[in-house]
Amino acid sequence: MTIDLHGLTVEEATREILVSLLNLDTSYDYELIIITGKGTGTLMMATLNILDEEGRVYHKEEGRVIVFKKEKTDEWNLTSLMNEIKNEE
């Protein structure tokens, strides 16, 4: 799976990245390639910040980032379940 962020604002890119990460986790793909381009570096920095906040494993290259599928561990499932319970209260 690949997304190209050329020409997008940081806000548009953020939305595109988050939707693509959700799609990655529910697809048969094992990686997401995010093309940011070389430019000013603004999209690259925004992308890396999002991936760090989301706890993603990734590999940064010049002009692109390869994000690996998040493995659902028991701990991750437990955290998600606890958050859902808190939101229902």
Protein backbone atom coordinates (compact mmCIF):
# COMPACT_ATOMS: atom_id res chain seq x y z
CA MET A 1 0.00 0.00 0.00
CA THR A 2 1.38 3.43 -0.95
CA ILE A 3 0.23 7.00 -0.41
CA ASP A 4 1.74 10.10 -1.98
CA LEU A 5 1.54 13.30 0.07
CA HIS A 6 2.91 15.64 -2.62
CA GLY A 7 0.86 18.83 -2.79
CA LEU A 8 -1.03 18.23 0.46
CA THR A 9 -1.08 20.53 3.45
CA VAL A 10 0.05 19.11 6.80
CA GLU A 11 -3.62 18.91 7.87
CA GLU A 12 -4.62 17.02 4.71
CA ALA A 13 -1.56 14.76 5.00
CA THR A 14 -2.36 13.98 8.64
CA ARG A 15 -5.86 12.86 7.73
CA GLU A 16 -4.53 10.74 4.84
CA ILE A 17 -1.87 9.09 7.04
CA LEU A 18 -4.28 8.23 9.86
CA VAL A 19 -6.84 6.71 7.48
CA SER A 20 -4.11 4.75 5.72
CA LEU A 21 -2.77 3.41 9.04
CA LEU A 22 -6.24 2.13 9.93
CA ASN A 23 -6.53 0.54 6.49
CA LEU A 24 -3.12 -1.06 6.89
CA ASP A 25 -4.10 -2.71 10.17
CA THR A 26 -7.22 -4.25 8.63
CA SER A 27 -5.70 -5.26 5.28
CA TYR A 28 -3.52 -8.10 4.08
CA ASP A 29 -0.70 -5.65 3.35
CA TYR A 30 2.25 -5.74 5.72
CA GLU A 31 3.65 -2.27 5.03
CA LEU A 32 2.61 1.23 4.06
CA ILE A 33 4.91 3.40 1.96
CA ILE A 34 4.38 7.11 2.59
CA ILE A 35 5.94 9.34 -0.06
CA THR A 36 6.65 12.80 1.31
CA GLY A 37 9.14 14.02 -1.26
CA LYS A 38 12.32 15.91 -0.46
CA GLY A 39 11.00 19.51 -0.45
CA THR A 40 11.28 21.55 2.73
CA GLY A 41 10.97 18.56 5.06
CA THR A 42 7.71 19.77 6.61
CA LEU A 43 5.68 16.74 5.46
CA MET A 44 8.44 14.36 6.53
CA MET A 45 8.58 15.86 10.04
CA ALA A 46 4.79 15.81 10.36
CA THR A 47 4.72 12.18 9.18
CA LEU A 48 7.38 11.09 11.66
CA ASN A 49 5.59 12.89 14.51
CA ILE A 50 2.33 11.09 13.70
CA LEU A 51 4.05 7.71 13.48
CA ASP A 52 5.83 8.28 16.80
CA GLU A 53 2.56 9.35 18.47
CA GLU A 54 0.86 6.23 17.09
CA GLY A 55 3.69 4.00 18.33
CA ARG A 56 4.49 2.73 14.85
CA VAL A 57 7.60 0.92 13.68
CA TYR A 58 8.99 2.54 10.54
CA HIS A 59 12.06 2.98 8.38
CA LYS A 60 12.87 6.49 7.12
CA GLU A 61 14.46 6.93 3.72
CA GLU A 62 15.08 10.01 1.62
CA GLY A 63 11.67 11.30 0.54
CA ARG A 64 9.66 8.39 1.94
CA VAL A 65 8.87 6.34 5.02
CA ILE A 66 8.05 2.64 5.19
CA VAL A 67 5.62 1.81 8.01
CA PHE A 68 5.21 -1.76 9.19
CA LYS A 69 1.90 -3.31 10.16
CA LYS A 70 1.09 -3.10 13.85
CA GLU A 71 0.95 -6.52 15.44
CA LYS A 72 -1.91 -6.92 17.86
CA THR A 73 -0.48 -8.24 21.09
CA ASP A 74 -2.42 -9.18 24.19
CA GLU A 75 -1.14 -6.02 25.86
CA TRP A 76 -2.34 -3.87 22.96
CA ASN A 77 -5.77 -5.55 23.04
CA LEU A 78 -6.00 -5.08 26.80
CA THR A 79 -5.17 -1.38 26.50
CA SER A 80 -7.79 -0.91 23.79
CA LEU A 81 -10.39 -2.75 25.83
CA MET A 82 -9.64 -0.67 28.93
CA ASN A 83 -9.96 2.55 26.93
CA GLU A 84 -13.32 1.45 25.53
CA ILE A 85 -14.58 0.64 29.02
CA LYS A 86 -13.48 4.05 30.32
CA ASN A 87 -15.26 5.80 27.42
CA GLU A 88 -18.51 3.98 28.16
CA GLU A 89 -18.57 5.13 31.80
